[in-house]
């Protein structure tokens, strides 16, 4: 526990654990919701074009069908 004269350690608020100064908690009406204090970094996600994704799915489906045909032949 920190004494009143000790400074709060400087830990980034994006991690799993961090310190929040008492004054800040008090100013927020003692609301201890993590989302009030945690810094969230959003990263932009770039997806492939839908046609490219569909083509990949079709290719995978063809591979699966070919594998199923081989398995069926083994069971015959």
PDB file of N, CA and C in Angstrom:
ATOM      1  N   UNK A   1       0.845  -1.177   0.000  1.00  0.00           N
ATOM      2  CA  UNK A   1       0.000   0.000   0.000  1.00  0.00           C
ATOM      3  C   UNK A   1       0.881   1.228   0.000  1.00  0.00           C
ATOM      4  N   UNK A   2       0.488   2.239  -0.736  1.00  0.00           N
ATOM      5  CA  UNK A   2       1.268   3.464  -0.837  1.00  0.00           C
ATOM      6  C   UNK A   2       0.904   4.429   0.283  1.00  0.00           C
ATOM      7  N   UNK A   3       1.919   5.107   0.798  1.00  0.00           N
ATOM      8  CA  UNK A   3       1.651   6.181   1.743  1.00  0.00           C
ATOM      9  C   UNK A   3       1.090   7.367   0.980  1.00  0.00           C
ATOM     10  N   UNK A   4       0.478   8.299   1.691  1.00  0.00           N
ATOM     11  CA  UNK A   4      -0.115   9.472   1.039  1.00  0.00           C
ATOM     12  C   UNK A   4       0.929  10.306   0.308  1.00  0.00           C
ATOM     13  N   UNK A   5       2.168  10.275   0.769  1.00  0.00           N
ATOM     14  CA  UNK A   5       3.221  11.084   0.160  1.00  0.00           C
ATOM     15  C   UNK A   5       3.888  10.391  -1.018  1.00  0.00           C
ATOM     16  N   UNK A   6       3.647   9.088  -1.181  1.00  0.00           N
ATOM     17  CA  UNK A   6       4.277   8.362  -2.276  1.00  0.00           C
ATOM     18  C   UNK A   6       3.552   8.640  -3.580  1.00  0.00           C
ATOM     19  N   UNK A   7       4.327   8.708  -4.635  1.00  0.00           N
ATOM     20  CA  UNK A   7       3.751   8.937  -5.967  1.00  0.00           C
ATOM     21  C   UNK A   7       3.277   7.607  -6.549  1.00  0.00           C
ATOM     22  N   UNK A   8       2.145   7.660  -7.240  1.00  0.00           N
ATOM     23  CA  UNK A   8       1.611   6.458  -7.870  1.00  0.00           C
ATOM     24  C   UNK A   8       2.569   6.012  -8.967  1.00  0.00           C
ATOM     25  N   UNK A   9       2.912   4.715  -8.989  1.00  0.00           N
ATOM     26  CA  UNK A   9       3.817   4.228 -10.033  1.00  0.00           C
ATOM     27  C   UNK A   9       3.238   4.500 -11.429  1.00  0.00           C
ATOM     28  N   UNK A  10       4.106   4.825 -12.365  1.00  0.00           N
ATOM     29  CA  UNK A  10       3.687   5.114 -13.742  1.00  0.00           C
ATOM     30  C   UNK A  10       3.625   3.806 -14.518  1.00  0.00           C
ATOM     31  N   UNK A  11       2.434   3.264 -14.650  1.00  0.00           N
ATOM     32  CA  UNK A  11       2.219   2.031 -15.400  1.00  0.00           C
ATOM     33  C   UNK A  11       1.181   2.339 -16.456  1.00  0.00           C
ATOM     34  N   UNK A  12       1.445   1.901 -17.674  1.00  0.00           N
ATOM     35  CA  UNK A  12       0.507   2.157 -18.751  1.00  0.00           C
ATOM     36  C   UNK A  12      -0.818   1.489 -18.449  1.00  0.00           C
ATOM     37  N   UNK A  13      -1.892   2.142 -18.790  1.00  0.00           N
ATOM     38  CA  UNK A  13      -3.227   1.646 -18.486  1.00  0.00           C
ATOM     39  C   UNK A  13      -3.780   0.731 -19.567  1.00  0.00           C
ATOM     40  N   UNK A  14      -2.964   0.324 -20.490  1.00  0.00           N
ATOM     41  CA  UNK A  14      -3.417  -0.597 -21.522  1.00  0.00           C
ATOM     42  C   UNK A  14      -3.180  -2.043 -21.107  1.00  0.00           C
ATOM     43  N   UNK A  15      -2.426  -2.259 -20.051  1.00  0.00           N
ATOM     44  CA  UNK A  15      -2.103  -3.609 -19.608  1.00  0.00           C
ATOM     45  C   UNK A  15      -3.210  -4.231 -18.779  1.00  0.00           C
ATOM     46  N   UNK A  16      -2.927  -5.415 -18.244  1.00  0.00           N
ATOM     47  CA  UNK A  16      -3.914  -6.133 -17.444  1.00  0.00           C
ATOM     48  C   UNK A  16      -4.062  -5.531 -16.051  1.00  0.00           C
ATOM     49  N   UNK A  17      -3.000  -4.943 -15.537  1.00  0.00           N
ATOM     50  CA  UNK A  17      -3.040  -4.356 -14.202  1.00  0.00           C
ATOM     51  C   UNK A  17      -2.381  -2.978 -14.247  1.00  0.00           C
ATOM     52  N   UNK A  18      -2.945  -2.045 -13.493  1.00  0.00           N
ATOM     53  CA  UNK A  18      -2.386  -0.698 -13.445  1.00  0.00           C
ATOM     54  C   UNK A  18      -2.915   0.017 -12.207  1.00  0.00           C
ATOM     55  N   UNK A  19      -2.253   1.092 -11.845  1.00  0.00           N
ATOM     56  CA  UNK A  19      -2.664   1.900 -10.713  1.00  0.00           C
ATOM     57  C   UNK A  19      -3.451   3.107 -11.205  1.00  0.00           C
ATOM     58  N   UNK A  20      -4.409   3.541 -10.391  1.00  0.00           N
ATOM     59  CA  UNK A  20      -5.180   4.750 -10.677  1.00  0.00           C
ATOM     60  C   UNK A  20      -5.093   5.609  -9.426  1.00  0.00           C
ATOM     61  N   UNK A  21      -4.734   6.881  -9.576  1.00  0.00           N
ATOM     62  CA  UNK A  21      -4.640   7.748  -8.401  1.00  0.00           C
ATOM     63  C   UNK A  21      -5.996   7.882  -7.694  1.00  0.00           C
ATOM     64  N   UNK A  22      -5.936   7.940  -6.366  1.00  0.00           N
ATOM     65  CA  UNK A  22      -7.143   8.054  -5.554  1.00  0.00           C
ATOM     66  C   UNK A  22      -7.977   9.259  -5.967  1.00  0.00           C
ATOM     67  N   UNK A  23      -7.325  10.366  -6.264  1.00  0.00           N
ATOM     68  CA  UNK A  23      -8.047  11.595  -6.640  1.00  0.00           C
ATOM     69  C   UNK A  23      -8.887  11.377  -7.893  1.00  0.00           C
ATOM     70  N   UNK A  24      -8.359  10.611  -8.841  1.00  0.00           N
ATOM     71  CA  UNK A  24      -9.097  10.346 -10.073  1.00  0.00           C
ATOM     72  C   UNK A  24     -10.313   9.464  -9.794  1.00  0.00           C
ATOM     73  N   UNK A  25     -10.136   8.465  -8.916  1.00  0.00           N
ATOM     74  CA  UNK A  25     -11.259   7.603  -8.548  1.00  0.00           C
ATOM     75  C   UNK A  25     -12.319   8.410  -7.814  1.00  0.00           C
ATOM     76  N   UNK A  26     -11.878   9.266  -6.923  1.00  0.00           N
ATOM     77  CA  UNK A  26     -12.803  10.116  -6.166  1.00  0.00           C
ATOM     78  C   UNK A  26     -13.557  11.053  -7.105  1.00  0.00           C
ATOM     79  N   UNK A  27     -12.857  11.625  -8.089  1.00  0.00           N
ATOM     80  CA  UNK A  27     -13.485  12.546  -9.047  1.00  0.00           C
ATOM     81  C   UNK A  27     -14.540  11.832  -9.898  1.00  0.00           C
ATOM     82  N   UNK A  28     -14.390  10.519 -10.064  1.00  0.00           N
ATOM     83  CA  UNK A  28     -15.353   9.735 -10.835  1.00  0.00           C
ATOM     84  C   UNK A  28     -16.430   9.110  -9.940  1.00  0.00           C
ATOM     85  N   UNK A  29     -16.609   9.644  -8.750  1.00  0.00           N
ATOM     86  CA  UNK A  29     -17.655   9.168  -7.848  1.00  0.00           C
ATOM     87  C   UNK A  29     -17.410   7.755  -7.356  1.00  0.00           C
ATOM     88  N   UNK A  30     -16.142   7.391  -7.185  1.00  0.00           N
ATOM     89  CA  UNK A  30     -15.727   6.076  -6.715  1.00  0.00           C
ATOM     90  C   UNK A  30     -16.231   4.946  -7.624  1.00  0.00           C
ATOM     91  N   UNK A  31     -16.392   5.262  -8.895  1.00  0.00           N
ATOM     92  CA  UNK A  31     -16.779   4.256  -9.892  1.00  0.00           C
ATOM     93  C   UNK A  31     -15.532   3.444 -10.224  1.00  0.00           C
ATOM     94  N   UNK A  32     -15.570   2.151  -9.939  1.00  0.00           N
ATOM     95  CA  UNK A  32     -14.404   1.297 -10.148  1.00  0.00           C
ATOM     96  C   UNK A  32     -14.502   0.476 -11.434  1.00  0.00           C
ATOM     97  N   UNK A  33     -15.360   0.882 -12.344  1.00  0.00           N
ATOM     98  CA  UNK A  33     -15.467   0.197 -13.635  1.00  0.00           C
ATOM     99  C   UNK A  33     -14.153   0.324 -14.386  1.00  0.00           C
ATOM    100  N   UNK A  34     -13.602  -0.806 -14.804  1.00  0.00           N
ATOM    101  CA  UNK A  34     -12.287  -0.792 -15.456  1.00  0.00           C
ATOM    102  C   UNK A  34     -12.293   0.038 -16.735  1.00  0.00           C
ATOM    103  N   UNK A  35     -13.423   0.023 -17.452  1.00  0.00           N
ATOM    104  CA  UNK A  35     -13.490   0.772 -18.716  1.00  0.00           C
ATOM    105  C   UNK A  35     -13.373   2.276 -18.519  1.00  0.00           C
ATOM    106  N   UNK A  36     -13.617   2.744 -17.309  1.00  0.00           N
ATOM    107  CA  UNK A  36     -13.486   4.175 -17.036  1.00  0.00           C
ATOM    108  C   UNK A  36     -12.015   4.595 -16.998  1.00  0.00           C
ATOM    109  N   UNK A  37     -11.139   3.677 -16.638  1.00  0.00           N
ATOM    110  CA  UNK A  37      -9.739   4.023 -16.425  1.00  0.00           C
ATOM    111  C   UNK A  37      -8.780   3.384 -17.427  1.00  0.00           C
ATOM    112  N   UNK A  38      -9.156   2.267 -17.984  1.00  0.00           N
ATOM    113  CA  UNK A  38      -8.268   1.546 -18.893  1.00  0.00           C
ATOM    114  C   UNK A  38      -8.222   2.238 -20.254  1.00  0.00           C
ATOM    115  N   UNK A  39      -7.027   2.332 -20.805  1.00  0.00           N
ATOM    116  CA  UNK A  39      -6.851   2.894 -22.140  1.00  0.00           C
ATOM    117  C   UNK A  39      -6.955   1.764 -23.159  1.00  0.00           C
ATOM    118  N   UNK A  40      -7.844   1.937 -24.115  1.00  0.00           N
ATOM    119  CA  UNK A  40      -8.051   0.916 -25.133  1.00  0.00           C
ATOM    120  C   UNK A  40      -7.473   1.432 -26.447  1.00  0.00           C
ATOM    121  N   UNK A  41      -6.631   0.608 -27.047  1.00  0.00           N
ATOM    122  CA  UNK A  41      -6.051   0.972 -28.331  1.00  0.00           C
ATOM    123  C   UNK A  41      -6.741   0.174 -29.421  1.00  0.00           C
ATOM    124  N   UNK A  42      -7.323   0.885 -30.358  1.00  0.00           N
ATOM    125  CA  UNK A  42      -8.011   0.231 -31.462  1.00  0.00           C
ATOM    126  C   UNK A  42      -7.088   0.188 -32.668  1.00  0.00           C
ATOM    127  N   UNK A  43      -7.047  -0.981 -33.292  1.00  0.00           N
ATOM    128  CA  UNK A  43      -6.242  -1.134 -34.495  1.00  0.00           C
ATOM    129  C   UNK A  43      -7.171  -1.342 -35.676  1.00  0.00           C
ATOM    130  N   UNK A  44      -6.884  -0.662 -36.748  1.00  0.00           N
ATOM    131  CA  UNK A  44      -7.698  -0.819 -37.944  1.00  0.00           C
ATOM    132  C   UNK A  44      -7.395  -2.175 -38.570  1.00  0.00           C
ATOM    133  N   UNK A  45      -8.457  -2.874 -38.931  1.00  0.00           N
ATOM    134  CA  UNK A  45      -8.308  -4.189 -39.539  1.00  0.00           C
ATOM    135  C   UNK A  45      -8.673  -4.082 -41.011  1.00  0.00           C
ATOM    136  N   UNK A  46      -7.783  -4.543 -41.855  1.00  0.00           N
ATOM    137  CA  UNK A  46      -8.039  -4.533 -43.291  1.00  0.00           C
ATOM    138  C   UNK A  46      -8.343  -5.955 -43.740  1.00  0.00           C
ATOM    139  N   UNK A  47      -9.533  -6.126 -44.280  1.00  0.00           N
ATOM    140  CA  UNK A  47      -9.951  -7.432 -44.749  1.00  0.00           C
ATOM    141  C   UNK A  47      -9.775  -7.521 -46.259  1.00  0.00           C
ATOM    142  N   UNK A  48      -9.646  -8.759 -46.733  1.00  0.00           N
ATOM    143  CA  UNK A  48      -9.581  -8.968 -48.172  1.00  0.00           C
ATOM    144  C   UNK A  48     -10.940  -8.684 -48.782  1.00  0.00           C
ATOM    145  N   UNK A  49     -10.936  -8.460 -50.064  1.00  0.00           N
ATOM    146  CA  UNK A  49     -12.181  -8.209 -50.779  1.00  0.00           C
ATOM    147  C   UNK A  49     -13.069  -9.461 -50.677  1.00  0.00           C
ATOM    148  N   UNK A  50     -14.384  -9.296 -50.592  1.00  0.00           N
ATOM    149  CA  UNK A  50     -15.273 -10.449 -50.471  1.00  0.00           C
ATOM    150  C   UNK A  50     -15.097 -11.478 -51.587  1.00  0.00           C
ATOM    151  N   UNK A  51     -14.840 -11.033 -52.802  1.00  0.00           N
ATOM    152  CA  UNK A  51     -14.653 -11.989 -53.902  1.00  0.00           C
ATOM    153  C   UNK A  51     -13.425 -12.862 -53.678  1.00  0.00           C
ATOM    154  N   UNK A  52     -12.377 -12.293 -53.117  1.00  0.00           N
ATOM    155  CA  UNK A  52     -11.159 -13.059 -52.832  1.00  0.00           C
ATOM    156  C   UNK A  52     -11.446 -14.093 -51.748  1.00  0.00           C
ATOM    157  N   UNK A  53     -12.180 -13.678 -50.718  1.00  0.00           N
ATOM    158  CA  UNK A  53     -12.529 -14.598 -49.637  1.00  0.00           C
ATOM    159  C   UNK A  53     -13.381 -15.744 -50.177  1.00  0.00           C
ATOM    160  N   UNK A  54     -14.358 -15.427 -51.019  1.00  0.00           N
ATOM    161  CA  UNK A  54     -15.207 -16.465 -51.601  1.00  0.00           C
ATOM    162  C   UNK A  54     -14.404 -17.435 -52.453  1.00  0.00           C
ATOM    163  N   UNK A  55     -13.453 -16.927 -53.215  1.00  0.00           N
ATOM    164  CA  UNK A  55     -12.619 -17.800 -54.049  1.00  0.00           C
ATOM    165  C   UNK A  55     -11.792 -18.749 -53.173  1.00  0.00           C
ATOM    166  N   UNK A  56     -11.254 -18.234 -52.082  1.00  0.00           N
ATOM    167  CA  UNK A  56     -10.499 -19.087 -51.158  1.00  0.00           C
ATOM    168  C   UNK A  56     -11.397 -20.154 -50.543  1.00  0.00           C
ATOM    169  N   UNK A  57     -12.629 -19.772 -50.191  1.00  0.00           N
ATOM    170  CA  UNK A  57     -13.567 -20.740 -49.632  1.00  0.00           C
ATOM    171  C   UNK A  57     -13.902 -21.828 -50.645  1.00  0.00           C
ATOM    172  N   UNK A  58     -14.085 -21.431 -51.899  1.00  0.00           N
ATOM    173  CA  UNK A  58     -14.386 -22.422 -52.943  1.00  0.00           C
ATOM    174  C   UNK A  58     -13.211 -23.384 -53.126  1.00  0.00           C
ATOM    175  N   UNK A  59     -11.995 -22.859 -53.095  1.00  0.00           N
ATOM    176  CA  UNK A  59     -10.809 -23.706 -53.228  1.00  0.00           C
ATOM    177  C   UNK A  59     -10.729 -24.697 -52.066  1.00  0.00           C
ATOM    178  N   UNK A  60     -10.960 -24.206 -50.846  1.00  0.00           N
ATOM    179  CA  UNK A  60     -10.953 -25.094 -49.682  1.00  0.00           C
ATOM    180  C   UNK A  60     -12.042 -26.152 -49.782  1.00  0.00           C
ATOM    181  N   UNK A  61     -13.205 -25.742 -50.258  1.00  0.00           N
ATOM    182  CA  UNK A  61     -14.304 -26.689 -50.409  1.00  0.00           C
ATOM    183  C   UNK A  61     -13.940 -27.795 -51.412  1.00  0.00           C
ATOM    184  N   UNK A  62     -13.284 -27.430 -52.498  1.00  0.00           N
ATOM    185  CA  UNK A  62     -12.855 -28.424 -53.490  1.00  0.00           C
ATOM    186  C   UNK A  62     -11.853 -29.396 -52.879  1.00  0.00           C
ATOM    187  N   UNK A  63     -10.916 -28.878 -52.072  1.00  0.00           N
ATOM    188  CA  UNK A  63      -9.944 -29.746 -51.403  1.00  0.00           C
ATOM    189  C   UNK A  63     -10.634 -30.701 -50.438  1.00  0.00           C
ATOM    190  N   UNK A  64     -11.624 -30.200 -49.715  1.00  0.00           N
ATOM    191  CA  UNK A  64     -12.359 -31.044 -48.771  1.00  0.00           C
ATOM    192  C   UNK A  64     -13.117 -32.134 -49.519  1.00  0.00           C
ATOM    193  N   UNK A  65     -13.757 -31.771 -50.624  1.00  0.00           N
ATOM    194  CA  UNK A  65     -14.485 -32.760 -51.421  1.00  0.00           C
ATOM    195  C   UNK A  65     -13.538 -33.833 -51.952  1.00  0.00           C
ATOM    196  N   UNK A  66     -12.366 -33.427 -52.408  1.00  0.00           N
ATOM    197  CA  UNK A  66     -11.390 -34.391 -52.921  1.00  0.00           C
ATOM    198  C   UNK A  66     -10.950 -35.339 -51.809  1.00  0.00           C
ATOM    199  N   UNK A  67     -10.714 -34.801 -50.613  1.00  0.00           N
ATOM    200  CA  UNK A  67     -10.321 -35.643 -49.481  1.00  0.00           C
ATOM    201  C   UNK A  67     -11.447 -36.607 -49.097  1.00  0.00           C
ATOM    202  N   UNK A  68     -12.688 -36.137 -49.152  1.00  0.00           N
ATOM    203  CA  UNK A  68     -13.823 -37.006 -48.847  1.00  0.00           C
ATOM    204  C   UNK A  68     -13.947 -38.126 -49.872  1.00  0.00           C
ATOM    205  N   UNK A  69     -13.678 -37.815 -51.128  1.00  0.00           N
ATOM    206  CA  UNK A  69     -13.714 -38.845 -52.170  1.00  0.00           C
ATOM    207  C   UNK A  69     -12.659 -39.920 -51.909  1.00  0.00           C
ATOM    208  N   UNK A  70     -11.469 -39.493 -51.495  1.00  0.00           N
ATOM    209  CA  UNK A  70     -10.399 -40.445 -51.183  1.00  0.00           C
ATOM    210  C   UNK A  70     -10.808 -41.320 -50.004  1.00  0.00           C
ATOM    211  N   UNK A  71     -11.373 -40.703 -48.980  1.00  0.00           N
ATOM    212  CA  UNK A  71     -11.825 -41.490 -47.815  1.00  0.00           C
ATOM    213  C   UNK A  71     -12.919 -42.472 -48.195  1.00  0.00           C
ATOM    214  N   UNK A  72     -13.835 -42.031 -49.029  1.00  0.00           N
ATOM    215  CA  UNK A  72     -14.908 -42.920 -49.460  1.00  0.00           C
ATOM    216  C   UNK A  72     -14.368 -44.103 -50.239  1.00  0.00           C
ATOM    217  N   UNK A  73     -13.366 -43.858 -51.091  1.00  0.00           N
ATOM    218  CA  UNK A  73     -12.747 -44.945 -51.849  1.00  0.00           C
ATOM    219  C   UNK A  73     -12.047 -45.939 -50.917  1.00  0.00           C
ATOM    220  N   UNK A  74     -11.427 -45.429 -49.843  1.00  0.00           N
ATOM    221  CA  UNK A  74     -10.765 -46.309 -48.894  1.00  0.00           C
ATOM    222  C   UNK A  74     -11.763 -47.194 -48.152  1.00  0.00           C
ATOM    223  N   UNK A  75     -12.957 -46.692 -47.944  1.00  0.00           N
ATOM    224  CA  UNK A  75     -13.981 -47.457 -47.221  1.00  0.00           C
ATOM    225  C   UNK A  75     -14.722 -48.443 -48.116  1.00  0.00           C
ATOM    226  N   UNK A  76     -14.543 -48.319 -49.405  1.00  0.00           N
ATOM    227  CA  UNK A  76     -15.243 -49.226 -50.341  1.00  0.00           C
ATOM    228  C   UNK A  76     -14.524 -50.529 -50.508  1.00  0.00           C
TER     229      UNK A  76
END
